[in-house]
């Protein structure tokens, strides 16, 4: 192999490595963005569920309403 071929192979390898690293970093950034979005959504669900009445309260009100209708 000549020195020209060796340098071409080395350059191709380095260029491929740089593109691979760049692609990996971009994919990881997107993955972290998706995780942040998921965490934000879960926080919103938690806030909503904390504001809601407990299920027993809703069942009790429904039972009372049925009881009143049956009278």
PDB file of N, CA and C in Angstrom:
ATOM      1  N   UNK A   1       0.846  -1.174   0.000  1.00  0.00           N
ATOM      2  CA  UNK A   1       0.000   0.000   0.000  1.00  0.00           C
ATOM      3  C   UNK A   1       0.890   1.235   0.000  1.00  0.00           C
ATOM      4  N   UNK A   2       0.500   2.180  -0.794  1.00  0.00           N
ATOM      5  CA  UNK A   2       1.297   3.397  -0.857  1.00  0.00           C
ATOM      6  C   UNK A   2       0.881   4.339   0.253  1.00  0.00           C
ATOM      7  N   UNK A   3       1.703   5.333   0.483  1.00  0.00           N
ATOM      8  CA  UNK A   3       1.374   6.304   1.540  1.00  0.00           C
ATOM      9  C   UNK A   3       0.109   7.083   1.184  1.00  0.00           C
ATOM     10  N   UNK A   4      -0.144   7.261  -0.115  1.00  0.00           N
ATOM     11  CA  UNK A   4      -1.356   7.964  -0.554  1.00  0.00           C
ATOM     12  C   UNK A   4      -2.605   7.157  -0.187  1.00  0.00           C
ATOM     13  N   UNK A   5      -2.574   5.868  -0.415  1.00  0.00           N
ATOM     14  CA  UNK A   5      -3.695   5.002  -0.077  1.00  0.00           C
ATOM     15  C   UNK A   5      -3.898   4.941   1.432  1.00  0.00           C
ATOM     16  N   UNK A   6      -2.810   4.899   2.166  1.00  0.00           N
ATOM     17  CA  UNK A   6      -2.893   4.852   3.625  1.00  0.00           C
ATOM     18  C   UNK A   6      -3.528   6.128   4.162  1.00  0.00           C
ATOM     19  N   UNK A   7      -3.115   7.259   3.625  1.00  0.00           N
ATOM     20  CA  UNK A   7      -3.690   8.525   4.102  1.00  0.00           C
ATOM     21  C   UNK A   7      -5.154   8.647   3.685  1.00  0.00           C
ATOM     22  N   UNK A   8      -5.528   8.128   2.513  1.00  0.00           N
ATOM     23  CA  UNK A   8      -6.937   8.152   2.089  1.00  0.00           C
ATOM     24  C   UNK A   8      -7.798   7.293   3.016  1.00  0.00           C
ATOM     25  N   UNK A   9      -7.305   6.125   3.369  1.00  0.00           N
ATOM     26  CA  UNK A   9      -8.046   5.249   4.276  1.00  0.00           C
ATOM     27  C   UNK A   9      -8.173   5.890   5.655  1.00  0.00           C
ATOM     28  N   UNK A  10      -7.098   6.485   6.134  1.00  0.00           N
ATOM     29  CA  UNK A  10      -7.135   7.138   7.441  1.00  0.00           C
ATOM     30  C   UNK A  10      -8.116   8.309   7.429  1.00  0.00           C
ATOM     31  N   UNK A  11      -8.101   9.098   6.336  1.00  0.00           N
ATOM     32  CA  UNK A  11      -9.014  10.235   6.232  1.00  0.00           C
ATOM     33  C   UNK A  11     -10.465   9.754   6.177  1.00  0.00           C
ATOM     34  N   UNK A  12     -10.729   8.698   5.420  1.00  0.00           N
ATOM     35  CA  UNK A  12     -12.090   8.156   5.328  1.00  0.00           C
ATOM     36  C   UNK A  12     -12.547   7.644   6.691  1.00  0.00           C
ATOM     37  N   UNK A  13     -11.662   6.976   7.407  1.00  0.00           N
ATOM     38  CA  UNK A  13     -11.994   6.479   8.739  1.00  0.00           C
ATOM     39  C   UNK A  13     -12.312   7.627   9.686  1.00  0.00           C
ATOM     40  N   UNK A  14     -11.491   8.663   9.680  1.00  0.00           N
ATOM     41  CA  UNK A  14     -11.715   9.804  10.571  1.00  0.00           C
ATOM     42  C   UNK A  14     -13.009  10.540  10.232  1.00  0.00           C
ATOM     43  N   UNK A  15     -13.274  10.713   8.946  1.00  0.00           N
ATOM     44  CA  UNK A  15     -14.515  11.381   8.540  1.00  0.00           C
ATOM     45  C   UNK A  15     -15.718  10.556   8.982  1.00  0.00           C
ATOM     46  N   UNK A  16     -15.666   9.243   8.800  1.00  0.00           N
ATOM     47  CA  UNK A  16     -16.745   8.365   9.237  1.00  0.00           C
ATOM     48  C   UNK A  16     -16.943   8.422  10.745  1.00  0.00           C
ATOM     49  N   UNK A  17     -15.842   8.454  11.491  1.00  0.00           N
ATOM     50  CA  UNK A  17     -15.930   8.527  12.949  1.00  0.00           C
ATOM     51  C   UNK A  17     -16.569   9.843  13.391  1.00  0.00           C
ATOM     52  N   UNK A  18     -16.200  10.944  12.751  1.00  0.00           N
ATOM     53  CA  UNK A  18     -16.766  12.248  13.099  1.00  0.00           C
ATOM     54  C   UNK A  18     -18.267  12.267  12.815  1.00  0.00           C
ATOM     55  N   UNK A  19     -18.691  11.743  11.658  1.00  0.00           N
ATOM     56  CA  UNK A  19     -20.119  11.695  11.343  1.00  0.00           C
ATOM     57  C   UNK A  19     -20.864  10.780  12.310  1.00  0.00           C
ATOM     58  N   UNK A  20     -20.257   9.672  12.669  1.00  0.00           N
ATOM     59  CA  UNK A  20     -20.889   8.752  13.612  1.00  0.00           C
ATOM     60  C   UNK A  20     -21.074   9.390  14.980  1.00  0.00           C
ATOM     61  N   UNK A  21     -20.058  10.076  15.453  1.00  0.00           N
ATOM     62  CA  UNK A  21     -20.156  10.760  16.751  1.00  0.00           C
ATOM     63  C   UNK A  21     -21.225  11.845  16.700  1.00  0.00           C
ATOM     64  N   UNK A  22     -21.252  12.610  15.600  1.00  0.00           N
ATOM     65  CA  UNK A  22     -22.264  13.666  15.454  1.00  0.00           C
ATOM     66  C   UNK A  22     -23.678  13.100  15.443  1.00  0.00           C
ATOM     67  N   UNK A  23     -23.871  12.002  14.723  1.00  0.00           N
ATOM     68  CA  UNK A  23     -25.196  11.382  14.673  1.00  0.00           C
ATOM     69  C   UNK A  23     -25.607  10.860  16.050  1.00  0.00           C
ATOM     70  N   UNK A  24     -24.654  10.277  16.756  1.00  0.00           N
ATOM     71  CA  UNK A  24     -24.954   9.774  18.095  1.00  0.00           C
ATOM     72  C   UNK A  24     -25.355  10.903  19.023  1.00  0.00           C
ATOM     73  N   UNK A  25     -24.641  12.001  18.978  1.00  0.00           N
ATOM     74  CA  UNK A  25     -24.970  13.140  19.839  1.00  0.00           C
ATOM     75  C   UNK A  25     -26.337  13.724  19.502  1.00  0.00           C
ATOM     76  N   UNK A  26     -26.672  13.788  18.219  1.00  0.00           N
ATOM     77  CA  UNK A  26     -27.989  14.292  17.826  1.00  0.00           C
ATOM     78  C   UNK A  26     -29.101  13.371  18.306  1.00  0.00           C
ATOM     79  N   UNK A  27     -28.909  12.076  18.185  1.00  0.00           N
ATOM     80  CA  UNK A  27     -29.924  11.124  18.635  1.00  0.00           C
ATOM     81  C   UNK A  27     -30.094  11.189  20.143  1.00  0.00           C
ATOM     82  N   UNK A  28     -28.999  11.353  20.855  1.00  0.00           N
ATOM     83  CA  UNK A  28     -29.084  11.449  22.310  1.00  0.00           C
ATOM     84  C   UNK A  28     -29.800  12.707  22.736  1.00  0.00           C
ATOM     85  N   UNK A  29     -29.567  13.805  22.044  1.00  0.00           N
ATOM     86  CA  UNK A  29     -30.246  15.060  22.374  1.00  0.00           C
ATOM     87  C   UNK A  29     -31.745  14.903  22.178  1.00  0.00           C
ATOM     88  N   UNK A  30     -32.149  14.249  21.108  1.00  0.00           N
ATOM     89  CA  UNK A  30     -33.574  14.030  20.854  1.00  0.00           C
ATOM     90  C   UNK A  30     -34.168  13.134  21.936  1.00  0.00           C
ATOM     91  N   UNK A  31     -33.421  12.123  22.350  1.00  0.00           N
ATOM     92  CA  UNK A  31     -33.902  11.207  23.382  1.00  0.00           C
ATOM     93  C   UNK A  31     -34.118  11.961  24.699  1.00  0.00           C
ATOM     94  N   UNK A  32     -33.204  12.862  25.044  1.00  0.00           N
ATOM     95  CA  UNK A  32     -33.355  13.640  26.273  1.00  0.00           C
ATOM     96  C   UNK A  32     -34.538  14.589  26.170  1.00  0.00           C
ATOM     97  N   UNK A  33     -34.765  15.155  24.976  1.00  0.00           N
ATOM     98  CA  UNK A  33     -35.921  16.026  24.782  1.00  0.00           C
ATOM     99  C   UNK A  33     -37.219  15.254  24.979  1.00  0.00           C
ATOM    100  N   UNK A  34     -37.266  14.034  24.458  1.00  0.00           N
ATOM    101  CA  UNK A  34     -38.464  13.211  24.627  1.00  0.00           C
ATOM    102  C   UNK A  34     -38.674  12.868  26.098  1.00  0.00           C
ATOM    103  N   UNK A  35     -37.586  12.611  26.817  1.00  0.00           N
ATOM    104  CA  UNK A  35     -37.690  12.286  28.240  1.00  0.00           C
ATOM    105  C   UNK A  35     -38.187  13.503  29.019  1.00  0.00           C
ATOM    106  N   UNK A  36     -37.684  14.689  28.683  1.00  0.00           N
ATOM    107  CA  UNK A  36     -38.152  15.908  29.349  1.00  0.00           C
ATOM    108  C   UNK A  36     -39.639  16.129  29.094  1.00  0.00           C
ATOM    109  N   UNK A  37     -40.071  15.907  27.848  1.00  0.00           N
ATOM    110  CA  UNK A  37     -41.487  16.067  27.503  1.00  0.00           C
ATOM    111  C   UNK A  37     -42.341  15.076  28.279  1.00  0.00           C
ATOM    112  N   UNK A  38     -41.876  13.836  28.374  1.00  0.00           N
ATOM    113  CA  UNK A  38     -42.609  12.828  29.135  1.00  0.00           C
ATOM    114  C   UNK A  38     -42.724  13.224  30.604  1.00  0.00           C
ATOM    115  N   UNK A  39     -41.643  13.707  31.176  1.00  0.00           N
ATOM    116  CA  UNK A  39     -41.667  14.112  32.585  1.00  0.00           C
ATOM    117  C   UNK A  39     -42.621  15.295  32.792  1.00  0.00           C
ATOM    118  N   UNK A  40     -42.635  16.255  31.860  1.00  0.00           N
ATOM    119  CA  UNK A  40     -43.569  17.381  31.966  1.00  0.00           C
ATOM    120  C   UNK A  40     -45.011  16.894  31.922  1.00  0.00           C
ATOM    121  N   UNK A  41     -45.294  15.961  31.019  1.00  0.00           N
ATOM    122  CA  UNK A  41     -46.646  15.418  30.924  1.00  0.00           C
ATOM    123  C   UNK A  41     -47.042  14.688  32.201  1.00  0.00           C
ATOM    124  N   UNK A  42     -46.126  13.919  32.757  1.00  0.00           N
ATOM    125  CA  UNK A  42     -46.428  13.201  33.991  1.00  0.00           C
ATOM    126  C   UNK A  42     -46.668  14.163  35.153  1.00  0.00           C
ATOM    127  N   UNK A  43     -45.918  15.254  35.198  1.00  0.00           N
ATOM    128  CA  UNK A  43     -46.146  16.259  36.251  1.00  0.00           C
ATOM    129  C   UNK A  43     -47.535  16.868  36.115  1.00  0.00           C
ATOM    130  N   UNK A  44     -47.962  17.146  34.877  1.00  0.00           N
ATOM    131  CA  UNK A  44     -49.290  17.719  34.662  1.00  0.00           C
ATOM    132  C   UNK A  44     -50.377  16.739  35.096  1.00  0.00           C
ATOM    133  N   UNK A  45     -50.207  15.479  34.770  1.00  0.00           N
ATOM    134  CA  UNK A  45     -51.190  14.464  35.176  1.00  0.00           C
ATOM    135  C   UNK A  45     -51.243  14.388  36.691  1.00  0.00           C
ATOM    136  N   UNK A  46     -50.102  14.449  37.326  1.00  0.00           N
ATOM    137  CA  UNK A  46     -50.065  14.381  38.788  1.00  0.00           C
ATOM    138  C   UNK A  46     -50.777  15.582  39.408  1.00  0.00           C
ATOM    139  N   UNK A  47     -50.541  16.781  38.847  1.00  0.00           N
ATOM    140  CA  UNK A  47     -51.207  17.975  39.369  1.00  0.00           C
ATOM    141  C   UNK A  47     -52.722  17.846  39.228  1.00  0.00           C
ATOM    142  N   UNK A  48     -53.160  17.363  38.070  1.00  0.00           N
ATOM    143  CA  UNK A  48     -54.595  17.206  37.838  1.00  0.00           C
ATOM    144  C   UNK A  48     -55.178  16.180  38.802  1.00  0.00           C
ATOM    145  N   UNK A  49     -54.470  15.064  38.991  1.00  0.00           N
ATOM    146  CA  UNK A  49     -54.999  14.028  39.870  1.00  0.00           C
ATOM    147  C   UNK A  49     -55.027  14.494  41.321  1.00  0.00           C
ATOM    148  N   UNK A  50     -54.105  15.365  41.718  1.00  0.00           N
ATOM    149  CA  UNK A  50     -54.123  15.876  43.082  1.00  0.00           C
ATOM    150  C   UNK A  50     -55.272  16.857  43.298  1.00  0.00           C
ATOM    151  N   UNK A  51     -55.700  17.541  42.231  1.00  0.00           N
ATOM    152  CA  UNK A  51     -56.806  18.484  42.339  1.00  0.00           C
ATOM    153  C   UNK A  51     -58.154  17.781  42.384  1.00  0.00           C
ATOM    154  N   UNK A  52     -58.229  16.607  41.788  1.00  0.00           N
ATOM    155  CA  UNK A  52     -59.493  15.881  41.723  1.00  0.00           C
ATOM    156  C   UNK A  52     -59.878  15.354  43.103  1.00  0.00           C
ATOM    157  N   UNK A  53     -61.163  15.149  43.262  1.00  0.00           N
ATOM    158  CA  UNK A  53     -61.662  14.553  44.506  1.00  0.00           C
ATOM    159  C   UNK A  53     -61.286  13.076  44.515  1.00  0.00           C
ATOM    160  N   UNK A  54     -61.133  12.506  45.701  1.00  0.00           N
ATOM    161  CA  UNK A  54     -60.842  11.070  45.748  1.00  0.00           C
ATOM    162  C   UNK A  54     -62.016  10.269  45.202  1.00  0.00           C
ATOM    163  N   UNK A  55     -61.777   9.096  44.649  1.00  0.00           N
ATOM    164  CA  UNK A  55     -62.863   8.311  44.042  1.00  0.00           C
ATOM    165  C   UNK A  55     -64.007   8.014  45.002  1.00  0.00           C
ATOM    166  N   UNK A  56     -63.720   7.816  46.260  1.00  0.00           N
ATOM    167  CA  UNK A  56     -64.775   7.537  47.228  1.00  0.00           C
ATOM    168  C   UNK A  56     -65.778   8.664  47.321  1.00  0.00           C
ATOM    169  N   UNK A  57     -65.310   9.889  47.200  1.00  0.00           N
ATOM    170  CA  UNK A  57     -66.186  11.056  47.256  1.00  0.00           C
ATOM    171  C   UNK A  57     -67.168  11.041  46.081  1.00  0.00           C
ATOM    172  N   UNK A  58     -66.665  10.724  44.905  1.00  0.00           N
ATOM    173  CA  UNK A  58     -67.510  10.695  43.711  1.00  0.00           C
ATOM    174  C   UNK A  58     -68.542   9.581  43.827  1.00  0.00           C
ATOM    175  N   UNK A  59     -68.125   8.419  44.303  1.00  0.00           N
ATOM    176  CA  UNK A  59     -69.048   7.296  44.458  1.00  0.00           C
ATOM    177  C   UNK A  59     -70.111   7.629  45.497  1.00  0.00           C
ATOM    178  N   UNK A  60     -69.703   8.265  46.567  1.00  0.00           N
ATOM    179  CA  UNK A  60     -70.653   8.650  47.606  1.00  0.00           C
ATOM    180  C   UNK A  60     -71.698   9.615  47.083  1.00  0.00           C
ATOM    181  N   UNK A  61     -71.292  10.589  46.302  1.00  0.00           N
ATOM    182  CA  UNK A  61     -72.242  11.548  45.727  1.00  0.00           C
ATOM    183  C   UNK A  61     -73.187  10.864  44.763  1.00  0.00           C
ATOM    184  N   UNK A  62     -72.658   9.940  43.945  1.00  0.00           N
ATOM    185  CA  UNK A  62     -73.511   9.223  42.994  1.00  0.00           C
ATOM    186  C   UNK A  62     -74.516   8.361  43.745  1.00  0.00           C
ATOM    187  N   UNK A  63     -74.086   7.709  44.796  1.00  0.00           N
ATOM    188  CA  UNK A  63     -74.994   6.868  45.599  1.00  0.00           C
ATOM    189  C   UNK A  63     -76.078   7.737  46.228  1.00  0.00           C
ATOM    190  N   UNK A  64     -75.700   8.902  46.725  1.00  0.00           N
ATOM    191  CA  UNK A  64     -76.687   9.813  47.327  1.00  0.00           C
ATOM    192  C   UNK A  64     -77.712  10.273  46.292  1.00  0.00           C
ATOM    193  N   UNK A  65     -77.238  10.572  45.086  1.00  0.00           N
ATOM    194  CA  UNK A  65     -78.150  11.019  44.025  1.00  0.00           C
ATOM    195  C   UNK A  65     -79.122   9.901  43.637  1.00  0.00           C
ATOM    196  N   UNK A  66     -78.638   8.678  43.548  1.00  0.00           N
ATOM    197  CA  UNK A  66     -79.512   7.558  43.227  1.00  0.00           C
ATOM    198  C   UNK A  66     -80.536   7.339  44.343  1.00  0.00           C
ATOM    199  N   UNK A  67     -80.071   7.460  45.556  1.00  0.00           N
ATOM    200  CA  UNK A  67     -80.942   7.275  46.707  1.00  0.00           C
ATOM    201  C   UNK A  67     -82.065   8.304  46.700  1.00  0.00           C
ATOM    202  N   UNK A  68     -81.736   9.553  46.368  1.00  0.00           N
ATOM    203  CA  UNK A  68     -82.730  10.619  46.322  1.00  0.00           C
ATOM    204  C   UNK A  68     -83.746  10.358  45.210  1.00  0.00           C
ATOM    205  N   UNK A  69     -83.310   9.867  44.058  1.00  0.00           N
ATOM    206  CA  UNK A  69     -84.213   9.584  42.955  1.00  0.00           C
ATOM    207  C   UNK A  69     -85.173   8.446  43.278  1.00  0.00           C
ATOM    208  N   UNK A  70     -84.703   7.488  44.058  1.00  0.00           N
ATOM    209  CA  UNK A  70     -85.545   6.341  44.396  1.00  0.00           C
ATOM    210  C   UNK A  70     -86.605   6.683  45.432  1.00  0.00           C
ATOM    211  N   UNK A  71     -86.458   7.752  46.136  1.00  0.00           N
ATOM    212  CA  UNK A  71     -87.442   8.128  47.150  1.00  0.00           C
ATOM    213  C   UNK A  71     -88.697   8.646  46.542  1.00  0.00           C
TER     214      UNK A  71
END
